[in-house]
N, C-alpha and C. Protein backbone atom coordinates (compact mmCIF):
# COMPACT_ATOMS: atom_id res chain seq x y z
N MET A 1 16.30 1.77 7.03
CA MET A 1 14.89 1.54 7.26
C MET A 1 14.15 1.67 5.91
N PRO A 2 13.30 0.71 5.61
CA PRO A 2 12.54 0.78 4.35
C PRO A 2 11.65 2.02 4.28
N GLN A 3 11.45 2.51 3.08
CA GLN A 3 10.67 3.73 2.87
C GLN A 3 9.25 3.62 3.39
N ALA A 4 8.63 2.46 3.23
CA ALA A 4 7.25 2.29 3.70
C ALA A 4 7.15 2.48 5.22
N LEU A 5 8.14 2.04 5.96
CA LEU A 5 8.12 2.23 7.42
C LEU A 5 8.27 3.70 7.78
N ARG A 6 9.12 4.42 7.06
CA ARG A 6 9.26 5.86 7.29
C ARG A 6 7.94 6.57 6.96
N ASP A 7 7.30 6.15 5.88
CA ASP A 7 6.02 6.74 5.50
C ASP A 7 4.97 6.49 6.59
N MET A 8 4.95 5.28 7.13
CA MET A 8 3.96 4.94 8.16
C MET A 8 4.20 5.74 9.44
N GLU A 9 5.46 5.98 9.80
CA GLU A 9 5.76 6.73 11.01
C GLU A 9 5.27 8.18 10.91
N ALA A 10 5.17 8.70 9.68
CA ALA A 10 4.73 10.07 9.49
C ALA A 10 3.21 10.21 9.65
N LEU A 11 2.49 9.11 9.61
CA LEU A 11 1.03 9.14 9.74
C LEU A 11 0.62 9.11 11.20
N GLU A 12 -0.63 9.48 11.44
CA GLU A 12 -1.17 9.39 12.80
C GLU A 12 -1.39 7.92 13.16
N LYS A 13 -1.42 7.65 14.45
CA LYS A 13 -1.53 6.27 14.94
C LYS A 13 -2.78 5.56 14.41
N ASN A 14 -3.93 6.23 14.44
CA ASN A 14 -5.16 5.57 13.99
C ASN A 14 -5.11 5.27 12.49
N GLU A 15 -4.46 6.12 11.70
CA GLU A 15 -4.31 5.85 10.27
C GLU A 15 -3.39 4.66 10.03
N ARG A 16 -2.30 4.59 10.79
CA ARG A 16 -1.38 3.45 10.67
C ARG A 16 -2.09 2.14 10.98
N GLU A 17 -2.85 2.13 12.08
CA GLU A 17 -3.56 0.91 12.47
C GLU A 17 -4.59 0.50 11.41
N ARG A 18 -5.27 1.48 10.83
CA ARG A 18 -6.26 1.20 9.81
C ARG A 18 -5.62 0.59 8.55
N ILE A 19 -4.47 1.13 8.15
CA ILE A 19 -3.76 0.60 6.97
C ILE A 19 -3.28 -0.81 7.24
N VAL A 20 -2.67 -1.04 8.39
CA VAL A 20 -2.17 -2.38 8.74
C VAL A 20 -3.32 -3.38 8.76
N ARG A 21 -4.45 -3.00 9.34
CA ARG A 21 -5.60 -3.89 9.42
C ARG A 21 -6.12 -4.26 8.02
N LYS A 22 -6.21 -3.27 7.13
CA LYS A 22 -6.71 -3.55 5.78
C LYS A 22 -5.74 -4.42 4.98
N VAL A 23 -4.44 -4.20 5.14
CA VAL A 23 -3.46 -5.03 4.43
C VAL A 23 -3.49 -6.45 4.96
N GLU A 24 -3.62 -6.62 6.27
CA GLU A 24 -3.71 -7.96 6.85
C GLU A 24 -4.97 -8.68 6.38
N GLU A 25 -6.08 -7.96 6.30
CA GLU A 25 -7.32 -8.57 5.80
C GLU A 25 -7.16 -9.00 4.35
N ALA A 26 -6.52 -8.18 3.55
CA ALA A 26 -6.30 -8.52 2.14
C ALA A 26 -5.40 -9.74 2.00
N ALA A 27 -4.38 -9.81 2.83
CA ALA A 27 -3.46 -10.95 2.77
C ALA A 27 -4.15 -12.24 3.19
N ALA A 28 -5.07 -12.14 4.14
CA ALA A 28 -5.78 -13.33 4.62
C ALA A 28 -6.79 -13.85 3.62
N THR A 29 -7.33 -12.97 2.80
CA THR A 29 -8.35 -13.39 1.83
C THR A 29 -7.72 -13.43 0.44
N ASP A 30 -8.07 -12.50 -0.41
CA ASP A 30 -7.53 -12.45 -1.77
C ASP A 30 -6.95 -11.06 -2.02
N PRO A 31 -5.64 -10.91 -2.05
CA PRO A 31 -5.06 -9.58 -2.21
C PRO A 31 -5.41 -8.92 -3.54
N PHE A 32 -5.72 -9.70 -4.54
CA PHE A 32 -6.01 -9.12 -5.85
C PHE A 32 -7.39 -8.47 -5.91
N ARG A 33 -8.23 -8.75 -4.94
CA ARG A 33 -9.53 -8.08 -4.87
C ARG A 33 -9.41 -6.74 -4.15
N ALA A 34 -8.49 -6.64 -3.20
CA ALA A 34 -8.34 -5.42 -2.41
C ALA A 34 -7.43 -4.40 -3.09
N PHE A 35 -6.48 -4.88 -3.88
CA PHE A 35 -5.53 -4.00 -4.55
C PHE A 35 -5.89 -3.88 -6.02
N GLN A 36 -5.64 -2.70 -6.58
CA GLN A 36 -5.84 -2.48 -8.01
C GLN A 36 -4.48 -2.23 -8.65
N ARG A 37 -4.26 -2.80 -9.82
CA ARG A 37 -2.98 -2.65 -10.48
C ARG A 37 -2.84 -1.24 -11.06
N LEU A 38 -1.63 -0.68 -10.90
CA LEU A 38 -1.35 0.63 -11.46
C LEU A 38 -0.99 0.48 -12.93
N ARG A 39 -1.39 1.44 -13.72
CA ARG A 39 -1.08 1.40 -15.15
C ARG A 39 0.40 1.65 -15.39
N GLY A 40 0.97 0.88 -16.29
CA GLY A 40 2.36 1.10 -16.70
C GLY A 40 3.42 0.55 -15.77
N CYS A 41 3.04 -0.18 -14.74
CA CYS A 41 4.03 -0.79 -13.85
C CYS A 41 3.45 -2.04 -13.20
N ASP A 42 4.27 -2.74 -12.45
CA ASP A 42 3.86 -4.00 -11.82
C ASP A 42 3.25 -3.81 -10.44
N GLU A 43 3.23 -2.59 -9.95
CA GLU A 43 2.76 -2.34 -8.59
C GLU A 43 1.23 -2.19 -8.54
N HIS A 44 0.72 -2.37 -7.33
CA HIS A 44 -0.72 -2.28 -7.08
C HIS A 44 -0.96 -1.22 -6.00
N ARG A 45 -2.20 -0.72 -5.93
CA ARG A 45 -2.54 0.26 -4.90
C ARG A 45 -3.75 -0.20 -4.12
N MET A 46 -3.78 0.21 -2.86
CA MET A 46 -4.94 -0.05 -2.01
C MET A 46 -5.38 1.29 -1.43
N ARG A 47 -6.66 1.55 -1.50
CA ARG A 47 -7.23 2.77 -0.96
C ARG A 47 -7.64 2.54 0.48
N VAL A 48 -7.14 3.40 1.37
CA VAL A 48 -7.51 3.35 2.78
C VAL A 48 -7.85 4.78 3.19
N GLY A 49 -9.11 5.14 3.05
CA GLY A 49 -9.52 6.52 3.32
C GLY A 49 -8.85 7.45 2.32
N GLY A 50 -8.17 8.47 2.80
CA GLY A 50 -7.46 9.41 1.94
C GLY A 50 -6.05 8.97 1.62
N ASN A 51 -5.64 7.84 2.15
CA ASN A 51 -4.28 7.34 1.94
C ASN A 51 -4.27 6.21 0.93
N ARG A 52 -3.08 5.97 0.38
CA ARG A 52 -2.88 4.86 -0.54
C ARG A 52 -1.67 4.07 -0.09
N ALA A 53 -1.77 2.75 -0.20
CA ALA A 53 -0.64 1.86 0.05
C ALA A 53 -0.24 1.29 -1.31
N ILE A 54 1.00 1.51 -1.71
CA ILE A 54 1.52 1.03 -2.98
C ILE A 54 2.33 -0.22 -2.69
N ALA A 55 2.00 -1.31 -3.39
CA ALA A 55 2.61 -2.59 -3.07
C ALA A 55 2.94 -3.38 -4.32
N LEU A 56 3.87 -4.30 -4.16
CA LEU A 56 4.18 -5.28 -5.19
C LEU A 56 3.64 -6.62 -4.68
N ILE A 57 2.80 -7.26 -5.47
CA ILE A 57 2.18 -8.51 -5.06
C ILE A 57 2.76 -9.63 -5.91
N ALA A 58 3.32 -10.64 -5.26
CA ALA A 58 3.84 -11.81 -5.96
C ALA A 58 2.69 -12.77 -6.20
N HIS A 59 2.37 -13.02 -7.45
CA HIS A 59 1.24 -13.87 -7.80
C HIS A 59 1.43 -15.31 -7.33
N SER A 60 2.62 -15.84 -7.49
CA SER A 60 2.85 -17.25 -7.16
C SER A 60 2.77 -17.51 -5.66
N SER A 61 3.43 -16.69 -4.87
CA SER A 61 3.44 -16.92 -3.42
C SER A 61 2.38 -16.09 -2.70
N LYS A 62 1.70 -15.20 -3.42
CA LYS A 62 0.67 -14.32 -2.86
C LYS A 62 1.19 -13.54 -1.65
N THR A 63 2.39 -12.99 -1.81
CA THR A 63 2.96 -12.13 -0.78
C THR A 63 2.76 -10.67 -1.18
N ILE A 64 2.58 -9.83 -0.19
CA ILE A 64 2.37 -8.40 -0.41
C ILE A 64 3.56 -7.66 0.18
N GLU A 65 4.26 -6.91 -0.66
CA GLU A 65 5.41 -6.12 -0.22
C GLU A 65 5.04 -4.65 -0.40
N ILE A 66 4.81 -3.95 0.70
CA ILE A 66 4.42 -2.55 0.66
C ILE A 66 5.66 -1.70 0.39
N HIS A 67 5.57 -0.84 -0.64
CA HIS A 67 6.70 0.03 -1.00
C HIS A 67 6.56 1.43 -0.46
N ARG A 68 5.37 2.01 -0.61
CA ARG A 68 5.13 3.38 -0.16
C ARG A 68 3.74 3.49 0.44
N VAL A 69 3.58 4.44 1.34
CA VAL A 69 2.28 4.75 1.94
C VAL A 69 2.21 6.26 2.06
N GLY A 70 1.06 6.82 1.68
CA GLY A 70 0.92 8.26 1.81
C GLY A 70 -0.43 8.75 1.34
N HIS A 71 -0.64 10.05 1.50
CA HIS A 71 -1.89 10.67 1.10
C HIS A 71 -2.00 10.62 -0.42
N ARG A 72 -3.21 10.45 -0.89
CA ARG A 72 -3.45 10.29 -2.33
C ARG A 72 -2.98 11.50 -3.14
N LYS A 73 -2.95 12.66 -2.52
CA LYS A 73 -2.53 13.88 -3.21
C LYS A 73 -1.04 13.85 -3.56
N HIS A 74 -0.24 13.17 -2.73
CA HIS A 74 1.21 13.22 -2.88
C HIS A 74 1.86 11.90 -3.29
N ILE A 75 1.21 10.79 -3.06
CA ILE A 75 1.86 9.48 -3.20
C ILE A 75 2.33 9.21 -4.62
N TYR A 76 1.54 9.56 -5.60
CA TYR A 76 1.92 9.24 -6.99
C TYR A 76 3.05 10.13 -7.47
N LYS A 77 3.10 11.37 -6.99
CA LYS A 77 4.21 12.26 -7.34
C LYS A 77 5.52 11.70 -6.79
N ARG A 78 5.48 11.22 -5.55
CA ARG A 78 6.70 10.67 -4.93
C ARG A 78 7.07 9.33 -5.55
N LEU A 79 6.08 8.59 -5.99
CA LEU A 79 6.33 7.26 -6.52
C LEU A 79 6.99 7.32 -7.90
N PHE A 80 6.56 8.24 -8.74
CA PHE A 80 7.02 8.27 -10.12
C PHE A 80 7.93 9.44 -10.45
N LYS A 81 8.68 9.95 -9.48
CA LYS A 81 9.59 11.05 -9.83
C LYS A 81 10.92 10.54 -10.31
């Protein structure tokens, strides 16, 4: 099972739905407006309340691949260890 799915299962249902809704909205419009690029890597982040969704966005096909999801306090520690 991909790590992002395990991360999502750990969240409450309303938080999961909110993250999915925001990612779908970003994919339908312009993902580069909703996501901000992280310094020093190719990944982007999206803020959803106190949580962050870390994703890799393919510029050519405009696909969003979510890698990690978690609270802002912990997500970057888990991402860059």
